[in-house]
C-alpha cells in the first residue's frame, strides 16, 4: 500500500474540515462517510480504521473521530455471528 498513516490522517482531517463546516452536524458526518466510501479504496479505509484501533485516533480531528465512530458499520461492514 502506497499510503502511510500520516498521509491518511492528513487527508481525513482535510476532508473532515470541509464537511465539518456544514450547518447540520449529523448530515456532515453522513456526507463525510459517503465521501470515504466513494472516493477511498478499501485498503485506505481499512488502514484508517487500523490506525484508529491502534492509537485511539491519534492525530485525527474531533469531527473525524466522531464521524468514524458513528459510521464504521456503513463503511466497513462487520459480520456479526
PDB file of N, CA and C in Angstrom:
ATOM      1  N   UNK A   1       0.837  -1.196   0.000  1.00  0.00           N
ATOM      2  CA  UNK A   1       0.000   0.000   0.000  1.00  0.00           C
ATOM      3  C   UNK A   1       0.873   1.248   0.000  1.00  0.00           C
ATOM      4  N   UNK A   2       0.556   2.195  -0.840  1.00  0.00           N
ATOM      5  CA  UNK A   2       1.413   3.350  -1.014  1.00  0.00           C
ATOM      6  C   UNK A   2       1.242   4.426   0.048  1.00  0.00           C
ATOM      7  N   UNK A   3       0.160   4.375   0.797  1.00  0.00           N
ATOM      8  CA  UNK A   3      -0.109   5.469   1.725  1.00  0.00           C
ATOM      9  C   UNK A   3       0.241   5.078   3.149  1.00  0.00           C
ATOM     10  N   UNK A   4       0.868   5.985   3.869  1.00  0.00           N
ATOM     11  CA  UNK A   4       1.113   5.705   5.270  1.00  0.00           C
ATOM     12  C   UNK A   4       0.060   6.388   6.128  1.00  0.00           C
ATOM     13  N   UNK A   5       0.053   6.092   7.407  1.00  0.00           N
ATOM     14  CA  UNK A   5      -0.972   6.616   8.309  1.00  0.00           C
ATOM     15  C   UNK A   5      -0.956   8.139   8.324  1.00  0.00           C
ATOM     16  N   UNK A   6       0.241   8.734   8.281  1.00  0.00           N
ATOM     17  CA  UNK A   6       0.340  10.196   8.328  1.00  0.00           C
ATOM     18  C   UNK A   6      -0.409  10.841   7.173  1.00  0.00           C
ATOM     19  N   UNK A   7      -0.246  10.269   5.978  1.00  0.00           N
ATOM     20  CA  UNK A   7      -0.942  10.799   4.801  1.00  0.00           C
ATOM     21  C   UNK A   7      -2.450  10.626   4.928  1.00  0.00           C
ATOM     22  N   UNK A   8      -2.861   9.452   5.406  1.00  0.00           N
ATOM     23  CA  UNK A   8      -4.289   9.178   5.558  1.00  0.00           C
ATOM     24  C   UNK A   8      -4.919  10.121   6.576  1.00  0.00           C
ATOM     25  N   UNK A   9      -4.209  10.356   7.685  1.00  0.00           N
ATOM     26  CA  UNK A   9      -4.709  11.258   8.726  1.00  0.00           C
ATOM     27  C   UNK A   9      -4.864  12.663   8.160  1.00  0.00           C
ATOM     28  N   UNK A  10      -3.853  13.115   7.431  1.00  0.00           N
ATOM     29  CA  UNK A  10      -3.910  14.459   6.855  1.00  0.00           C
ATOM     30  C   UNK A  10      -5.096  14.573   5.888  1.00  0.00           C
ATOM     31  N   UNK A  11      -5.266  13.570   5.043  1.00  0.00           N
ATOM     32  CA  UNK A  11      -6.376  13.587   4.091  1.00  0.00           C
ATOM     33  C   UNK A  11      -7.725  13.549   4.812  1.00  0.00           C
ATOM     34  N   UNK A  12      -7.847  12.664   5.797  1.00  0.00           N
ATOM     35  CA  UNK A  12      -9.113  12.555   6.530  1.00  0.00           C
ATOM     36  C   UNK A  12      -9.439  13.866   7.233  1.00  0.00           C
ATOM     37  N   UNK A  13      -8.426  14.504   7.813  1.00  0.00           N
ATOM     38  CA  UNK A  13      -8.644  15.778   8.503  1.00  0.00           C
ATOM     39  C   UNK A  13      -9.049  16.887   7.530  1.00  0.00           C
ATOM     40  N   UNK A  14      -8.438  16.888   6.352  1.00  0.00           N
ATOM     41  CA  UNK A  14      -8.780  17.904   5.350  1.00  0.00           C
ATOM     42  C   UNK A  14     -10.230  17.725   4.885  1.00  0.00           C
ATOM     43  N   UNK A  15     -10.598  16.475   4.607  1.00  0.00           N
ATOM     44  CA  UNK A  15     -11.969  16.177   4.180  1.00  0.00           C
ATOM     45  C   UNK A  15     -12.929  16.507   5.318  1.00  0.00           C
ATOM     46  N   UNK A  16     -12.535  16.120   6.534  1.00  0.00           N
ATOM     47  CA  UNK A  16     -13.361  16.392   7.706  1.00  0.00           C
ATOM     48  C   UNK A  16     -13.590  17.878   7.905  1.00  0.00           C
ATOM     49  N   UNK A  17     -12.547  18.677   7.719  1.00  0.00           N
ATOM     50  CA  UNK A  17     -12.663  20.127   7.897  1.00  0.00           C
ATOM     51  C   UNK A  17     -13.663  20.715   6.906  1.00  0.00           C
ATOM     52  N   UNK A  18     -13.652  20.178   5.690  1.00  0.00           N
ATOM     53  CA  UNK A  18     -14.600  20.636   4.681  1.00  0.00           C
ATOM     54  C   UNK A  18     -16.032  20.318   5.109  1.00  0.00           C
ATOM     55  N   UNK A  19     -16.283  19.058   5.491  1.00  0.00           N
ATOM     56  CA  UNK A  19     -17.650  18.663   5.840  1.00  0.00           C
ATOM     57  C   UNK A  19     -18.089  19.250   7.177  1.00  0.00           C
ATOM     58  N   UNK A  20     -17.154  19.457   8.089  1.00  0.00           N
ATOM     59  CA  UNK A  20     -17.486  19.997   9.414  1.00  0.00           C
ATOM     60  C   UNK A  20     -18.041  21.408   9.329  1.00  0.00           C
ATOM     61  N   UNK A  21     -17.789  22.100   8.214  1.00  0.00           N
ATOM     62  CA  UNK A  21     -18.291  23.462   8.069  1.00  0.00           C
ATOM     63  C   UNK A  21     -19.770  23.492   7.693  1.00  0.00           C
ATOM     64  N   UNK A  22     -20.364  22.348   7.395  1.00  0.00           N
ATOM     65  CA  UNK A  22     -21.789  22.300   7.073  1.00  0.00           C
ATOM     66  C   UNK A  22     -22.616  22.587   8.327  1.00  0.00           C
ATOM     67  N   UNK A  23     -23.769  23.259   8.159  1.00  0.00           N
ATOM     68  CA  UNK A  23     -24.575  23.629   9.327  1.00  0.00           C
ATOM     69  C   UNK A  23     -25.164  22.438  10.083  1.00  0.00           C
ATOM     70  N   UNK A  24     -25.505  21.380   9.379  1.00  0.00           N
ATOM     71  CA  UNK A  24     -26.118  20.210  10.020  1.00  0.00           C
ATOM     72  C   UNK A  24     -25.039  19.173  10.327  1.00  0.00           C
ATOM     73  N   UNK A  25     -24.712  19.024  11.610  1.00  0.00           N
ATOM     74  CA  UNK A  25     -23.591  18.160  12.003  1.00  0.00           C
ATOM     75  C   UNK A  25     -23.833  16.698  11.641  1.00  0.00           C
ATOM     76  N   UNK A  26     -25.057  16.234  11.828  1.00  0.00           N
ATOM     77  CA  UNK A  26     -25.350  14.833  11.522  1.00  0.00           C
ATOM     78  C   UNK A  26     -25.219  14.569  10.028  1.00  0.00           C
ATOM     79  N   UNK A  27     -25.754  15.487   9.226  1.00  0.00           N
ATOM     80  CA  UNK A  27     -25.635  15.380   7.769  1.00  0.00           C
ATOM     81  C   UNK A  27     -24.170  15.452   7.348  1.00  0.00           C
ATOM     82  N   UNK A  28     -23.415  16.303   8.015  1.00  0.00           N
ATOM     83  CA  UNK A  28     -21.993  16.453   7.706  1.00  0.00           C
ATOM     84  C   UNK A  28     -21.263  15.128   7.911  1.00  0.00           C
ATOM     85  N   UNK A  29     -21.566  14.446   9.020  1.00  0.00           N
ATOM     86  CA  UNK A  29     -20.920  13.149   9.277  1.00  0.00           C
ATOM     87  C   UNK A  29     -21.322  12.109   8.240  1.00  0.00           C
ATOM     88  N   UNK A  30     -22.607  12.125   7.849  1.00  0.00           N
ATOM     89  CA  UNK A  30     -23.091  11.201   6.817  1.00  0.00           C
ATOM     90  C   UNK A  30     -22.391  11.464   5.495  1.00  0.00           C
ATOM     91  N   UNK A  31     -22.277  12.736   5.135  1.00  0.00           N
ATOM     92  CA  UNK A  31     -21.631  13.097   3.869  1.00  0.00           C
ATOM     93  C   UNK A  31     -20.150  12.725   3.875  1.00  0.00           C
ATOM     94  N   UNK A  32     -19.512  12.910   5.023  1.00  0.00           N
ATOM     95  CA  UNK A  32     -18.111  12.506   5.181  1.00  0.00           C
ATOM     96  C   UNK A  32     -17.969  10.997   4.946  1.00  0.00           C
ATOM     97  N   UNK A  33     -18.869  10.230   5.557  1.00  0.00           N
ATOM     98  CA  UNK A  33     -18.841   8.771   5.397  1.00  0.00           C
ATOM     99  C   UNK A  33     -19.018   8.378   3.934  1.00  0.00           C
ATOM    100  N   UNK A  34     -19.974   8.998   3.283  1.00  0.00           N
ATOM    101  CA  UNK A  34     -20.225   8.689   1.871  1.00  0.00           C
ATOM    102  C   UNK A  34     -19.014   9.026   1.016  1.00  0.00           C
ATOM    103  N   UNK A  35     -18.367  10.130   1.338  1.00  0.00           N
ATOM    104  CA  UNK A  35     -17.173  10.523   0.584  1.00  0.00           C
ATOM    105  C   UNK A  35     -16.088   9.449   0.702  1.00  0.00           C
ATOM    106  N   UNK A  36     -15.833   8.990   1.936  1.00  0.00           N
ATOM    107  CA  UNK A  36     -14.802   7.961   2.118  1.00  0.00           C
ATOM    108  C   UNK A  36     -15.188   6.688   1.390  1.00  0.00           C
ATOM    109  N   UNK A  37     -16.467   6.367   1.425  1.00  0.00           N
ATOM    110  CA  UNK A  37     -16.958   5.146   0.782  1.00  0.00           C
ATOM    111  C   UNK A  37     -16.754   5.203  -0.730  1.00  0.00           C
ATOM    112  N   UNK A  38     -17.032   6.376  -1.307  1.00  0.00           N
ATOM    113  CA  UNK A  38     -16.960   6.525  -2.764  1.00  0.00           C
ATOM    114  C   UNK A  38     -15.557   6.784  -3.276  1.00  0.00           C
ATOM    115  N   UNK A  39     -14.784   7.571  -2.512  1.00  0.00           N
ATOM    116  CA  UNK A  39     -13.507   8.073  -3.026  1.00  0.00           C
ATOM    117  C   UNK A  39     -12.290   7.283  -2.551  1.00  0.00           C
ATOM    118  N   UNK A  40     -12.397   6.632  -1.408  1.00  0.00           N
ATOM    119  CA  UNK A  40     -11.246   5.917  -0.871  1.00  0.00           C
ATOM    120  C   UNK A  40     -11.357   4.441  -1.200  1.00  0.00           C
ATOM    121  N   UNK A  41     -10.240   3.840  -1.568  1.00  0.00           N
ATOM    122  CA  UNK A  41     -10.297   2.401  -1.816  1.00  0.00           C
ATOM    123  C   UNK A  41     -10.317   1.657  -0.470  1.00  0.00           C
ATOM    124  N   UNK A  42     -10.731   0.392  -0.503  1.00  0.00           N
ATOM    125  CA  UNK A  42     -10.891  -0.354   0.754  1.00  0.00           C
ATOM    126  C   UNK A  42      -9.633  -0.416   1.604  1.00  0.00           C
ATOM    127  N   UNK A  43      -8.468  -0.505   0.963  1.00  0.00           N
ATOM    128  CA  UNK A  43      -7.220  -0.565   1.730  1.00  0.00           C
ATOM    129  C   UNK A  43      -7.013   0.711   2.548  1.00  0.00           C
ATOM    130  N   UNK A  44      -7.363   1.848   1.951  1.00  0.00           N
ATOM    131  CA  UNK A  44      -7.211   3.122   2.653  1.00  0.00           C
ATOM    132  C   UNK A  44      -8.153   3.194   3.849  1.00  0.00           C
ATOM    133  N   UNK A  45      -9.389   2.764   3.647  1.00  0.00           N
ATOM    134  CA  UNK A  45     -10.368   2.793   4.745  1.00  0.00           C
ATOM    135  C   UNK A  45      -9.944   1.837   5.853  1.00  0.00           C
ATOM    136  N   UNK A  46      -9.503   0.649   5.457  1.00  0.00           N
ATOM    137  CA  UNK A  46      -9.056  -0.339   6.445  1.00  0.00           C
ATOM    138  C   UNK A  46      -7.859   0.189   7.227  1.00  0.00           C
ATOM    139  N   UNK A  47      -6.932   0.831   6.521  1.00  0.00           N
ATOM    140  CA  UNK A  47      -5.738   1.374   7.181  1.00  0.00           C
ATOM    141  C   UNK A  47      -6.113   2.479   8.162  1.00  0.00           C
ATOM    142  N   UNK A  48      -7.088   3.306   7.791  1.00  0.00           N
ATOM    143  CA  UNK A  48      -7.515   4.376   8.690  1.00  0.00           C
ATOM    144  C   UNK A  48      -8.146   3.798   9.955  1.00  0.00           C
ATOM    145  N   UNK A  49      -8.985   2.768   9.787  1.00  0.00           N
ATOM    146  CA  UNK A  49      -9.592   2.136  10.963  1.00  0.00           C
ATOM    147  C   UNK A  49      -8.553   1.388  11.795  1.00  0.00           C
ATOM    148  N   UNK A  50      -7.559   0.812  11.145  1.00  0.00           N
ATOM    149  CA  UNK A  50      -6.482   0.138  11.877  1.00  0.00           C
ATOM    150  C   UNK A  50      -5.734   1.156  12.738  1.00  0.00           C
ATOM    151  N   UNK A  51      -5.507   2.346  12.178  1.00  0.00           N
ATOM    152  CA  UNK A  51      -4.860   3.418  12.941  1.00  0.00           C
ATOM    153  C   UNK A  51      -5.745   3.831  14.123  1.00  0.00           C
ATOM    154  N   UNK A  52      -7.030   3.939  13.863  1.00  0.00           N
ATOM    155  CA  UNK A  52      -7.988   4.312  14.909  1.00  0.00           C
ATOM    156  C   UNK A  52      -7.933   3.299  16.060  1.00  0.00           C
ATOM    157  N   UNK A  53      -7.907   2.028  15.706  1.00  0.00           N
ATOM    158  CA  UNK A  53      -7.866   0.964  16.719  1.00  0.00           C
ATOM    159  C   UNK A  53      -6.542   0.963  17.484  1.00  0.00           C
ATOM    160  N   UNK A  54      -5.462   1.190  16.762  1.00  0.00           N
ATOM    161  CA  UNK A  54      -4.131   1.080  17.366  1.00  0.00           C
ATOM    162  C   UNK A  54      -3.796   2.261  18.269  1.00  0.00           C
ATOM    163  N   UNK A  55      -4.322   3.441  17.952  1.00  0.00           N
ATOM    164  CA  UNK A  55      -3.878   4.653  18.643  1.00  0.00           C
ATOM    165  C   UNK A  55      -5.016   5.478  19.226  1.00  0.00           C
ATOM    166  N   UNK A  56      -6.250   4.956  19.139  1.00  0.00           N
ATOM    167  CA  UNK A  56      -7.439   5.728  19.541  1.00  0.00           C
ATOM    168  C   UNK A  56      -7.584   6.997  18.693  1.00  0.00           C
ATOM    169  N   UNK A  57      -7.067   6.925  17.478  1.00  0.00           N
ATOM    170  CA  UNK A  57      -7.269   8.024  16.532  1.00  0.00           C
ATOM    171  C   UNK A  57      -6.309   9.177  16.678  1.00  0.00           C
ATOM    172  N   UNK A  58      -5.119   8.883  17.131  1.00  0.00           N
ATOM    173  CA  UNK A  58      -4.081   9.914  17.291  1.00  0.00           C
ATOM    174  C   UNK A  58      -3.923  10.736  16.015  1.00  0.00           C
ATOM    175  N   UNK A  59      -3.975  12.060  16.168  1.00  0.00           N
ATOM    176  CA  UNK A  59      -3.770  12.948  15.028  1.00  0.00           C
ATOM    177  C   UNK A  59      -5.041  13.315  14.283  1.00  0.00           C
ATOM    178  N   UNK A  60      -6.113  12.580  14.511  1.00  0.00           N
ATOM    179  CA  UNK A  60      -7.364  12.882  13.808  1.00  0.00           C
ATOM    180  C   UNK A  60      -8.128  13.968  14.552  1.00  0.00           C
ATOM    181  N   UNK A  61      -8.768  14.859  13.796  1.00  0.00           N
ATOM    182  CA  UNK A  61      -9.504  15.928  14.465  1.00  0.00           C
ATOM    183  C   UNK A  61     -10.822  15.403  15.055  1.00  0.00           C
ATOM    184  N   UNK A  62     -11.415  16.126  16.000  1.00  0.00           N
ATOM    185  CA  UNK A  62     -12.607  15.621  16.705  1.00  0.00           C
ATOM    186  C   UNK A  62     -13.767  15.268  15.785  1.00  0.00           C
ATOM    187  N   UNK A  63     -13.982  16.070  14.752  1.00  0.00           N
ATOM    188  CA  UNK A  63     -15.068  15.763  13.813  1.00  0.00           C
ATOM    189  C   UNK A  63     -14.850  14.409  13.155  1.00  0.00           C
ATOM    190  N   UNK A  64     -13.619  14.180  12.691  1.00  0.00           N
ATOM    191  CA  UNK A  64     -13.302  12.926  12.004  1.00  0.00           C
ATOM    192  C   UNK A  64     -13.465  11.745  12.959  1.00  0.00           C
ATOM    193  N   UNK A  65     -12.965  11.902  14.185  1.00  0.00           N
ATOM    194  CA  UNK A  65     -13.101  10.832  15.171  1.00  0.00           C
ATOM    195  C   UNK A  65     -14.566  10.485  15.416  1.00  0.00           C
ATOM    196  N   UNK A  66     -15.370  11.506  15.588  1.00  0.00           N
ATOM    197  CA  UNK A  66     -16.788  11.312  15.852  1.00  0.00           C
ATOM    198  C   UNK A  66     -17.470  10.670  14.646  1.00  0.00           C
ATOM    199  N   UNK A  67     -17.143  11.167  13.469  1.00  0.00           N
ATOM    200  CA  UNK A  67     -17.740  10.643  12.249  1.00  0.00           C
ATOM    201  C   UNK A  67     -17.356   9.179  12.038  1.00  0.00           C
ATOM    202  N   UNK A  68     -16.083   8.864  12.224  1.00  0.00           N
ATOM    203  CA  UNK A  68     -15.632   7.484  12.024  1.00  0.00           C
ATOM    204  C   UNK A  68     -16.291   6.545  13.018  1.00  0.00           C
ATOM    205  N   UNK A  69     -16.434   6.997  14.257  1.00  0.00           N
ATOM    206  CA  UNK A  69     -17.070   6.169  15.267  1.00  0.00           C
ATOM    207  C   UNK A  69     -18.513   5.850  14.920  1.00  0.00           C
ATOM    208  N   UNK A  70     -19.207   6.827  14.346  1.00  0.00           N
ATOM    209  CA  UNK A  70     -20.616   6.656  14.046  1.00  0.00           C
ATOM    210  C   UNK A  70     -20.892   5.900  12.765  1.00  0.00           C
ATOM    211  N   UNK A  71     -19.920   5.840  11.867  1.00  0.00           N
ATOM    212  CA  UNK A  71     -20.203   5.304  10.538  1.00  0.00           C
ATOM    213  C   UNK A  71     -19.382   4.081  10.185  1.00  0.00           C
ATOM    214  N   UNK A  72     -18.705   3.529  11.167  1.00  0.00           N
ATOM    215  CA  UNK A  72     -17.854   2.385  10.867  1.00  0.00           C
ATOM    216  C   UNK A  72     -18.628   1.238  10.212  1.00  0.00           C
ATOM    217  N   UNK A  73     -19.832   0.974  10.700  1.00  0.00           N
ATOM    218  CA  UNK A  73     -20.621  -0.131  10.164  1.00  0.00           C
ATOM    219  C   UNK A  73     -20.977   0.109   8.695  1.00  0.00           C
ATOM    220  N   UNK A  74     -21.217   1.371   8.351  1.00  0.00           N
ATOM    221  CA  UNK A  74     -21.553   1.694   6.966  1.00  0.00           C
ATOM    222  C   UNK A  74     -20.352   1.504   6.049  1.00  0.00           C
ATOM    223  N   UNK A  75     -19.197   1.904   6.544  1.00  0.00           N
ATOM    224  CA  UNK A  75     -18.003   1.899   5.699  1.00  0.00           C
ATOM    225  C   UNK A  75     -17.366   0.515   5.659  1.00  0.00           C
ATOM    226  N   UNK A  76     -17.329  -0.131   6.775  1.00  0.00           N
ATOM    227  CA  UNK A  76     -16.589  -1.385   6.899  1.00  0.00           C
ATOM    228  C   UNK A  76     -17.522  -2.423   7.534  1.00  0.00           C
ATOM    229  N   UNK A  77     -18.380  -3.033   6.718  1.00  0.00           N
ATOM    230  CA  UNK A  77     -19.387  -3.945   7.273  1.00  0.00           C
ATOM    231  C   UNK A  77     -18.724  -5.074   8.055  1.00  0.00           C
ATOM    232  N   UNK A  78     -19.212  -5.290   9.243  1.00  0.00           N
ATOM    233  CA  UNK A  78     -18.713  -6.393  10.079  1.00  0.00           C
ATOM    234  C   UNK A  78     -19.734  -7.521  10.044  1.00  0.00           C
ATOM    235  N   UNK A  79     -19.228  -8.741  10.037  1.00  0.00           N
ATOM    236  CA  UNK A  79     -20.125  -9.895  10.078  1.00  0.00           C
ATOM    237  C   UNK A  79     -20.354 -10.228  11.540  1.00  0.00           C
ATOM    238  N   UNK A  80     -21.602 -10.147  11.974  1.00  0.00           N
ATOM    239  CA  UNK A  80     -21.934 -10.458  13.369  1.00  0.00           C
ATOM    240  C   UNK A  80     -22.491 -11.865  13.448  1.00  0.00           C
ATOM    241  N   UNK A  81     -21.913 -12.657  14.354  1.00  0.00           N
ATOM    242  CA  UNK A  81     -22.369 -14.043  14.484  1.00  0.00           C
ATOM    243  C   UNK A  81     -23.701 -14.095  15.203  1.00  0.00           C
TER     244      UNK A  81
END
